C-alpha atoms as a PDB file:
ATOM      1  CA  MET A   1     111.001 123.758  66.813  1.00  0.00           C
ATOM      2  CA  THR A   2     109.623 125.845  69.644  1.00  0.00           C
ATOM      3  CA  ALA A   3     110.947 129.216  70.695  1.00  0.00           C
ATOM      4  CA  PRO A   4     113.005 129.249  73.897  1.00  0.00           C
ATOM      5  CA  THR A   5     111.347 130.497  77.054  1.00  0.00           C
ATOM      6  CA  TRP A   6     112.752 132.184  80.135  1.00  0.00           C
ATOM      7  CA  THR A   7     111.914 132.735  83.772  1.00  0.00           C
ATOM      8  CA  ALA A   8     110.093 135.976  84.487  1.00  0.00           C
ATOM      9  CA  VAL A   9     110.589 137.484  87.942  1.00  0.00           C
ATOM     10  CA  PHE A  10     108.106 140.055  89.253  1.00  0.00           C
ATOM     11  CA  ALA A  11     108.235 142.300  92.303  1.00  0.00           C
ATOM     12  CA  SER A  12     106.949 145.776  93.128  1.00  0.00           C
ATOM     13  CA  THR A  13     109.888 147.303  91.238  1.00  0.00           C
ATOM     14  CA  LYS A  14     112.365 145.943  88.718  1.00  0.00           C
ATOM     15  CA  ASP A  15     115.211 146.469  91.215  1.00  0.00           C
ATOM     16  CA  GLN A  16     113.390 144.331  93.785  1.00  0.00           C
ATOM     17  CA  ALA A  17     112.794 141.655  91.140  1.00  0.00           C
ATOM     18  CA  GLU A  18     116.521 141.680  90.310  1.00  0.00           C
ATOM     19  CA  GLY A  19     117.304 141.265  94.020  1.00  0.00           C
ATOM     20  CA  LEU A  20     114.901 138.344  94.352  1.00  0.00           C
ATOM     21  CA  ALA A  21     116.378 136.617  91.312  1.00  0.00           C
ATOM     22  CA  GLU A  22     119.875 137.096  92.697  1.00  0.00           C
ATOM     23  CA  SER A  23     118.835 135.722  96.103  1.00  0.00           C
ATOM     24  CA  LEU A  24     117.359 132.659  94.407  1.00  0.00           C
ATOM     25  CA  GLY A  25     120.508 132.119  92.351  1.00  0.00           C
ATOM     26  CA  LEU A  26     118.773 132.545  88.995  1.00  0.00           C
ATOM     27  CA  VAL A  27     120.896 133.102  85.905  1.00  0.00           C
ATOM     28  CA  ASP A  28     118.595 133.196  82.860  1.00  0.00           C
ATOM     29  CA  TYR A  29     115.675 135.426  83.794  1.00  0.00           C
ATOM     30  CA  VAL A  30     113.996 138.705  82.951  1.00  0.00           C
ATOM     31  CA  ALA A  31     113.055 141.011  85.841  1.00  0.00           C
ATOM     32  CA  TYR A  32     109.867 143.092  85.806  1.00  0.00           C
ATOM     33  CA  GLY A  33     108.388 145.647  88.172  1.00  0.00           C
ATOM     34  CA  VAL A  34     104.604 145.735  88.495  1.00  0.00           C
ATOM     35  CA  ASP A  35     104.942 149.513  88.790  1.00  0.00           C
ATOM     36  CA  LYS A  36     105.613 149.635  85.020  1.00  0.00           C
ATOM     37  CA  GLY A  37     102.273 148.086  83.983  1.00  0.00           C
ATOM     38  CA  SER A  38     101.326 145.126  81.822  1.00  0.00           C
ATOM     39  CA  SER A  39     102.633 146.423  78.478  1.00  0.00           C
ATOM     40  CA  GLN A  40     106.205 145.497  79.442  1.00  0.00           C
ATOM     41  CA  PHE A  41     105.225 141.801  79.600  1.00  0.00           C
ATOM     42  CA  GLU A  42     103.314 141.582  76.311  1.00  0.00           C
ATOM     43  CA  GLY A  43     105.096 139.276  73.907  1.00  0.00           C
ATOM     44  CA  ALA A  44     107.129 137.659  76.687  1.00  0.00           C
ATOM     45  CA  ARG A  45     108.046 133.986  76.361  1.00  0.00           C
ATOM     46  CA  ALA A  46     107.893 133.091  80.020  1.00  0.00           C
ATOM     47  CA  GLY A  47     107.886 129.359  80.688  1.00  0.00           C
ATOM     48  CA  ARG A  48     107.985 130.029  84.429  1.00  0.00           C
ATOM     49  CA  THR A  49     106.990 133.134  86.365  1.00  0.00           C
ATOM     50  CA  LEU A  50     108.040 133.921  89.919  1.00  0.00           C
ATOM     51  CA  ILE A  51     106.195 136.660  91.793  1.00  0.00           C
ATOM     52  CA  GLU A  52     107.609 137.967  95.045  1.00  0.00           C
ATOM     53  CA  SER A  53     105.278 137.201  97.931  1.00  0.00           C
ATOM     54  CA  GLY A  54     103.330 140.278  98.983  1.00  0.00           C
ATOM     55  CA  THR A  55     103.523 141.992  95.584  1.00  0.00           C
ATOM     56  CA  GLN A  56     100.275 143.718  94.624  1.00  0.00           C
ATOM     57  CA  VAL A  57      99.751 142.588  91.024  1.00  0.00           C
ATOM     58  CA  PRO A  58      97.081 144.522  89.077  1.00  0.00           C
ATOM     59  CA  ILE A  59      94.361 142.256  87.667  1.00  0.00           C
ATOM     60  CA  ASP A  60      95.184 143.017  84.022  1.00  0.00           C
ATOM     61  CA  LEU A  61      98.818 142.064  84.587  1.00  0.00           C
ATOM     62  CA  ALA A  62      97.845 138.948  86.573  1.00  0.00           C
ATOM     63  CA  GLU A  63      95.622 137.807  83.708  1.00  0.00           C
ATOM     64  CA  LEU A  64      98.405 138.424  81.182  1.00  0.00           C
ATOM     65  CA  ILE A  65     100.948 136.542  83.302  1.00  0.00           C
ATOM     66  CA  TYR A  66      98.583 133.566  83.604  1.00  0.00           C
ATOM     67  CA  ALA A  67      97.679 133.562  79.901  1.00  0.00           C
ATOM     68  CA  THR A  68     101.293 133.798  78.796  1.00  0.00           C
ATOM     69  CA  THR A  69     102.948 131.446  81.260  1.00  0.00           C
ATOM     70  CA  VAL A  70     100.288 128.787  81.818  1.00  0.00           C
ATOM     71  CA  VAL A  71      98.077 128.842  78.733  1.00  0.00           C
ATOM     72  CA  LEU A  72     100.622 129.596  75.984  1.00  0.00           C
ATOM     73  CA  TYR A  73     103.710 127.864  77.341  1.00  0.00           C
ATOM     74  CA  GLY A  74     102.310 125.284  79.783  1.00  0.00           C
ATOM     75  CA  GLY A  75     104.446 126.718  82.564  1.00  0.00           C
ATOM     76  CA  ARG A  76     103.830 127.585  86.197  1.00  0.00           C
ATOM     77  CA  VAL A  77     103.288 130.777  88.146  1.00  0.00           C
ATOM     78  CA  LEU A  78     104.784 130.684  91.646  1.00  0.00           C
ATOM     79  CA  TRP A  79     104.537 133.126  94.570  1.00  0.00           C
ATOM     80  CA  VAL A  80     107.932 133.026  96.257  1.00  0.00           C
ATOM     81  CA  SER A  81     110.007 134.713  98.921  1.00  0.00           C
ATOM     82  CA  ALA A  82     113.657 134.590  99.830  1.00  0.00           C
ATOM     83  CA  LYS A  83     114.975 135.574 103.223  1.00  0.00           C
ATOM     84  CA  ASP A  84     118.680 135.616 103.964  1.00  0.00           C
ATOM     85  CA  LEU A  85     119.015 134.173 107.436  1.00  0.00           C
ATOM     86  CA  GLY A  86     122.737 134.797 107.652  1.00  0.00           C
ATOM     87  CA  LEU A  87     124.871 132.804 110.021  1.00  0.00           C
ATOM     88  CA  GLU A  88     123.286 134.045 113.258  1.00  0.00           C
ATOM     89  CA  GLY A  89     121.262 131.353 114.937  1.00  0.00           C
ATOM     90  CA  TRP A  90     122.699 128.580 112.780  1.00  0.00           C
ATOM     91  CA  LEU A  91     125.976 128.059 114.572  1.00  0.00           C
ATOM     92  CA  LEU A  92     126.067 125.588 117.415  1.00  0.00           C
ATOM     93  CA  PRO A  93     127.622 126.736 120.704  1.00  0.00           C
END
């Protein structure tokens, strides 16, 4: 039996990661801010990692994310963005 994994969501700050996850409609995830360093992610069981587009990820954290998500759990690391377009411009005259 393998241990369950989760989706890790990274952004510049944890609050931004929470916002991204909410915008994407995620339910089971753990949010991380790159401003807190790599120690927060050690021991994580991330089967999928989403990184907000434009986030400056330090090399040590990037290596840890790759090793954990891809090497250990066979998952994927994705650079993503979510932009709320609202209703403006979508309604026909």
